[in-house]
Amino acid sequence: MAIIVRMRGFRNFLVHRYGSIDDRKAYKDIKEGLKDFEKVFKAFEDAIERSRK
């Protein structure tokens, strides 16, 4: 999933460059990225539902 790869990349950026990030940009990216969690959760739900059939 491309979304998960981008999430992982952002997480790695935050962890490894914590002191040098632009707080406003990080806040904006995090806020906009929250929508991605809905997509990921939906994909997990769909996969679980398919596995039950």
PDB file of N, CA and C in Angstrom:
ATOM      1  N   MET A   1       0.843  -1.197   0.000  1.00  0.00           N
ATOM      2  CA  MET A   1       0.000   0.000   0.000  1.00  0.00           C
ATOM      3  C   MET A   1       0.877   1.244   0.000  1.00  0.00           C
ATOM      4  N   ALA A   2       0.633   2.075  -0.961  1.00  0.00           N
ATOM      5  CA  ALA A   2       1.411   3.305  -1.074  1.00  0.00           C
ATOM      6  C   ALA A   2       1.188   4.230   0.127  1.00  0.00           C
ATOM      7  N   ILE A   3      -0.012   4.230   0.655  1.00  0.00           N
ATOM      8  CA  ILE A   3      -0.309   5.094   1.801  1.00  0.00           C
ATOM      9  C   ILE A   3       0.563   4.709   2.990  1.00  0.00           C
ATOM     10  N   ILE A   4       0.672   3.435   3.256  1.00  0.00           N
ATOM     11  CA  ILE A   4       1.460   2.979   4.401  1.00  0.00           C
ATOM     12  C   ILE A   4       2.935   3.319   4.200  1.00  0.00           C
ATOM     13  N   VAL A   5       3.418   3.202   2.986  1.00  0.00           N
ATOM     14  CA  VAL A   5       4.814   3.545   2.706  1.00  0.00           C
ATOM     15  C   VAL A   5       5.055   5.025   2.983  1.00  0.00           C
ATOM     16  N   ARG A   6       4.123   5.879   2.550  1.00  0.00           N
ATOM     17  CA  ARG A   6       4.267   7.322   2.824  1.00  0.00           C
ATOM     18  C   ARG A   6       4.196   7.607   4.325  1.00  0.00           C
ATOM     19  N   MET A   7       3.290   6.917   5.030  1.00  0.00           N
ATOM     20  CA  MET A   7       3.182   7.108   6.482  1.00  0.00           C
ATOM     21  C   MET A   7       4.485   6.714   7.167  1.00  0.00           C
ATOM     22  N   ARG A   8       5.043   5.595   6.747  1.00  0.00           N
ATOM     23  CA  ARG A   8       6.293   5.127   7.335  1.00  0.00           C
ATOM     24  C   ARG A   8       7.416   6.122   7.055  1.00  0.00           C
ATOM     25  N   GLY A   9       7.458   6.649   5.847  1.00  0.00           N
ATOM     26  CA  GLY A   9       8.474   7.643   5.500  1.00  0.00           C
ATOM     27  C   GLY A   9       8.363   8.890   6.344  1.00  0.00           C
ATOM     28  N   PHE A  10       7.142   9.359   6.570  1.00  0.00           N
ATOM     29  CA  PHE A  10       6.941  10.544   7.399  1.00  0.00           C
ATOM     30  C   PHE A  10       7.335  10.265   8.841  1.00  0.00           C
ATOM     31  N   ARG A  11       6.991   9.096   9.322  1.00  0.00           N
ATOM     32  CA  ARG A  11       7.366   8.713  10.686  1.00  0.00           C
ATOM     33  C   ARG A  11       8.883   8.696  10.830  1.00  0.00           C
ATOM     34  N   ASN A  12       9.568   8.119   9.846  1.00  0.00           N
ATOM     35  CA  ASN A  12      11.023   8.070   9.897  1.00  0.00           C
ATOM     36  C   ASN A  12      11.621   9.470   9.857  1.00  0.00           C
ATOM     37  N   PHE A  13      11.043  10.336   9.041  1.00  0.00           N
ATOM     38  CA  PHE A  13      11.502  11.720   8.977  1.00  0.00           C
ATOM     39  C   PHE A  13      11.368  12.395  10.342  1.00  0.00           C
ATOM     40  N   LEU A  14      10.207  12.208  10.977  1.00  0.00           N
ATOM     41  CA  LEU A  14       9.994  12.816  12.294  1.00  0.00           C
ATOM     42  C   LEU A  14      10.989  12.303  13.328  1.00  0.00           C
ATOM     43  N   VAL A  15      11.236  11.010  13.312  1.00  0.00           N
ATOM     44  CA  VAL A  15      12.117  10.410  14.313  1.00  0.00           C
ATOM     45  C   VAL A  15      13.571  10.830  14.114  1.00  0.00           C
ATOM     46  N   HIS A  16      14.022  10.807  12.880  1.00  0.00           N
ATOM     47  CA  HIS A  16      15.439  11.031  12.628  1.00  0.00           C
ATOM     48  C   HIS A  16      15.818  12.497  12.441  1.00  0.00           C
ATOM     49  N   ARG A  17      14.861  13.342  12.153  1.00  0.00           N
ATOM     50  CA  ARG A  17      15.161  14.763  11.960  1.00  0.00           C
ATOM     51  C   ARG A  17      14.289  15.643  12.850  1.00  0.00           C
ATOM     52  N   TYR A  18      13.970  15.143  14.005  1.00  0.00           N
ATOM     53  CA  TYR A  18      13.031  15.816  14.903  1.00  0.00           C
ATOM     54  C   TYR A  18      13.402  17.269  15.151  1.00  0.00           C
ATOM     55  N   GLY A  19      14.663  17.540  15.388  1.00  0.00           N
ATOM     56  CA  GLY A  19      15.090  18.902  15.735  1.00  0.00           C
ATOM     57  C   GLY A  19      15.106  19.864  14.575  1.00  0.00           C
ATOM     58  N   SER A  20      15.019  19.366  13.355  1.00  0.00           N
ATOM     59  CA  SER A  20      15.152  20.262  12.205  1.00  0.00           C
ATOM     60  C   SER A  20      13.883  20.372  11.367  1.00  0.00           C
ATOM     61  N   ILE A  21      12.754  19.915  11.880  1.00  0.00           N
ATOM     62  CA  ILE A  21      11.525  19.981  11.086  1.00  0.00           C
ATOM     63  C   ILE A  21      10.830  21.318  11.287  1.00  0.00           C
ATOM     64  N   ASP A  22      10.084  21.715  10.294  1.00  0.00           N
ATOM     65  CA  ASP A  22       9.257  22.917  10.355  1.00  0.00           C
ATOM     66  C   ASP A  22       7.933  22.510  11.007  1.00  0.00           C
ATOM     67  N   ASP A  23       7.701  23.003  12.204  1.00  0.00           N
ATOM     68  CA  ASP A  23       6.510  22.600  12.962  1.00  0.00           C
ATOM     69  C   ASP A  23       5.211  22.867  12.210  1.00  0.00           C
ATOM     70  N   ARG A  24       5.129  23.995  11.528  1.00  0.00           N
ATOM     71  CA  ARG A  24       3.898  24.315  10.798  1.00  0.00           C
ATOM     72  C   ARG A  24       3.655  23.319   9.669  1.00  0.00           C
ATOM     73  N   LYS A  25       4.709  22.978   8.937  1.00  0.00           N
ATOM     74  CA  LYS A  25       4.572  22.022   7.844  1.00  0.00           C
ATOM     75  C   LYS A  25       4.225  20.638   8.396  1.00  0.00           C
ATOM     76  N   ALA A  26       4.875  20.245   9.481  1.00  0.00           N
ATOM     77  CA  ALA A  26       4.586  18.939  10.083  1.00  0.00           C
ATOM     78  C   ALA A  26       3.129  18.882  10.537  1.00  0.00           C
ATOM     79  N   TYR A  27       2.651  19.927  11.182  1.00  0.00           N
ATOM     80  CA  TYR A  27       1.267  19.970  11.640  1.00  0.00           C
ATOM     81  C   TYR A  27       0.308  19.833  10.458  1.00  0.00           C
ATOM     82  N   LYS A  28       0.586  20.591   9.386  1.00  0.00           N
ATOM     83  CA  LYS A  28      -0.262  20.544   8.189  1.00  0.00           C
ATOM     84  C   LYS A  28      -0.257  19.135   7.595  1.00  0.00           C
ATOM     85  N   ASP A  29       0.924  18.541   7.467  1.00  0.00           N
ATOM     86  CA  ASP A  29       1.029  17.200   6.893  1.00  0.00           C
ATOM     87  C   ASP A  29       0.307  16.164   7.750  1.00  0.00           C
ATOM     88  N   ILE A  30       0.455  16.279   9.059  1.00  0.00           N
ATOM     89  CA  ILE A  30      -0.211  15.334   9.961  1.00  0.00           C
ATOM     90  C   ILE A  30      -1.724  15.487   9.864  1.00  0.00           C
ATOM     91  N   LYS A  31      -2.193  16.720   9.904  1.00  0.00           N
ATOM     92  CA  LYS A  31      -3.635  16.961   9.850  1.00  0.00           C
ATOM     93  C   LYS A  31      -4.235  16.436   8.538  1.00  0.00           C
ATOM     94  N   GLU A  32      -3.561  16.701   7.429  1.00  0.00           N
ATOM     95  CA  GLU A  32      -4.053  16.219   6.139  1.00  0.00           C
ATOM     96  C   GLU A  32      -3.935  14.696   6.046  1.00  0.00           C
ATOM     97  N   GLY A  33      -2.926  14.123   6.674  1.00  0.00           N
ATOM     98  CA  GLY A  33      -2.695  12.689   6.616  1.00  0.00           C
ATOM     99  C   GLY A  33      -3.672  11.865   7.433  1.00  0.00           C
ATOM    100  N   LEU A  34      -4.411  12.499   8.313  1.00  0.00           N
ATOM    101  CA  LEU A  34      -5.371  11.750   9.127  1.00  0.00           C
ATOM    102  C   LEU A  34      -6.403  11.043   8.261  1.00  0.00           C
ATOM    103  N   LYS A  35      -6.710  11.615   7.114  1.00  0.00           N
ATOM    104  CA  LYS A  35      -7.662  10.997   6.195  1.00  0.00           C
ATOM    105  C   LYS A  35      -7.150   9.644   5.708  1.00  0.00           C
ATOM    106  N   ASP A  36      -5.824   9.530   5.619  1.00  0.00           N
ATOM    107  CA  ASP A  36      -5.232   8.271   5.165  1.00  0.00           C
ATOM    108  C   ASP A  36      -5.521   7.132   6.128  1.00  0.00           C
ATOM    109  N   PHE A  37      -5.624   7.424   7.417  1.00  0.00           N
ATOM    110  CA  PHE A  37      -5.920   6.371   8.386  1.00  0.00           C
ATOM    111  C   PHE A  37      -7.268   5.727   8.093  1.00  0.00           C
ATOM    112  N   GLU A  38      -8.245   6.532   7.693  1.00  0.00           N
ATOM    113  CA  GLU A  38      -9.557   5.983   7.354  1.00  0.00           C
ATOM    114  C   GLU A  38      -9.439   4.980   6.206  1.00  0.00           C
ATOM    115  N   LYS A  39      -8.624   5.327   5.198  1.00  0.00           N
ATOM    116  CA  LYS A  39      -8.431   4.435   4.054  1.00  0.00           C
ATOM    117  C   LYS A  39      -7.738   3.142   4.477  1.00  0.00           C
ATOM    118  N   VAL A  40      -6.738   3.266   5.335  1.00  0.00           N
ATOM    119  CA  VAL A  40      -6.005   2.082   5.794  1.00  0.00           C
ATOM    120  C   VAL A  40      -6.917   1.182   6.619  1.00  0.00           C
ATOM    121  N   PHE A  41      -7.675   1.772   7.543  1.00  0.00           N
ATOM    122  CA  PHE A  41      -8.584   0.976   8.367  1.00  0.00           C
ATOM    123  C   PHE A  41      -9.632   0.280   7.505  1.00  0.00           C
ATOM    124  N   LYS A  42     -10.136   0.973   6.497  1.00  0.00           N
ATOM    125  CA  LYS A  42     -11.126   0.375   5.590  1.00  0.00           C
ATOM    126  C   LYS A  42     -10.514  -0.801   4.838  1.00  0.00           C
ATOM    127  N   ALA A  43      -9.272  -0.652   4.398  1.00  0.00           N
ATOM    128  CA  ALA A  43      -8.597  -1.748   3.694  1.00  0.00           C
ATOM    129  C   ALA A  43      -8.428  -2.954   4.617  1.00  0.00           C
ATOM    130  N   PHE A  44      -8.079  -2.705   5.887  1.00  0.00           N
ATOM    131  CA  PHE A  44      -7.957  -3.801   6.855  1.00  0.00           C
ATOM    132  C   PHE A  44      -9.305  -4.480   7.078  1.00  0.00           C
ATOM    133  N   GLU A  45     -10.345  -3.683   7.254  1.00  0.00           N
ATOM    134  CA  GLU A  45     -11.686  -4.247   7.456  1.00  0.00           C
ATOM    135  C   GLU A  45     -12.105  -5.103   6.265  1.00  0.00           C
ATOM    136  N   ASP A  46     -11.847  -4.606   5.053  1.00  0.00           N
ATOM    137  CA  ASP A  46     -12.201  -5.357   3.848  1.00  0.00           C
ATOM    138  C   ASP A  46     -11.429  -6.665   3.778  1.00  0.00           C
ATOM    139  N   ALA A  47     -10.142  -6.631   4.118  1.00  0.00           N
ATOM    140  CA  ALA A  47      -9.320  -7.839   4.082  1.00  0.00           C
ATOM    141  C   ALA A  47      -9.815  -8.865   5.103  1.00  0.00           C
ATOM    142  N   ILE A  48     -10.179  -8.389   6.289  1.00  0.00           N
ATOM    143  CA  ILE A  48     -10.689  -9.301   7.329  1.00  0.00           C
ATOM    144  C   ILE A  48     -12.005  -9.918   6.864  1.00  0.00           C
ATOM    145  N   GLU A  49     -12.861  -9.088   6.287  1.00  0.00           N
ATOM    146  CA  GLU A  49     -14.155  -9.577   5.816  1.00  0.00           C
ATOM    147  C   GLU A  49     -13.972 -10.619   4.715  1.00  0.00           C
ATOM    148  N   ARG A  50     -13.050 -10.376   3.775  1.00  0.00           N
ATOM    149  CA  ARG A  50     -12.791 -11.350   2.709  1.00  0.00           C
ATOM    150  C   ARG A  50     -12.243 -12.652   3.267  1.00  0.00           C
ATOM    151  N   SER A  51     -11.442 -12.582   4.312  1.00  0.00           N
ATOM    152  CA  SER A  51     -10.842 -13.796   4.873  1.00  0.00           C
ATOM    153  C   SER A  51     -11.877 -14.650   5.610  1.00  0.00           C
ATOM    154  N   ARG A  52     -12.971 -14.059   5.994  1.00  0.00           N
ATOM    155  CA  ARG A  52     -14.021 -14.795   6.705  1.00  0.00           C
ATOM    156  C   ARG A  52     -14.928 -15.567   5.753  1.00  0.00           C
ATOM    157  N   LYS A  53     -14.854 -15.271   4.473  1.00  0.00           N
ATOM    158  CA  LYS A  53     -15.749 -15.916   3.501  1.00  0.00           C
ATOM    159  C   LYS A  53     -15.162 -17.208   2.998  1.00  0.00           C
TER     160      LYS A  53
END
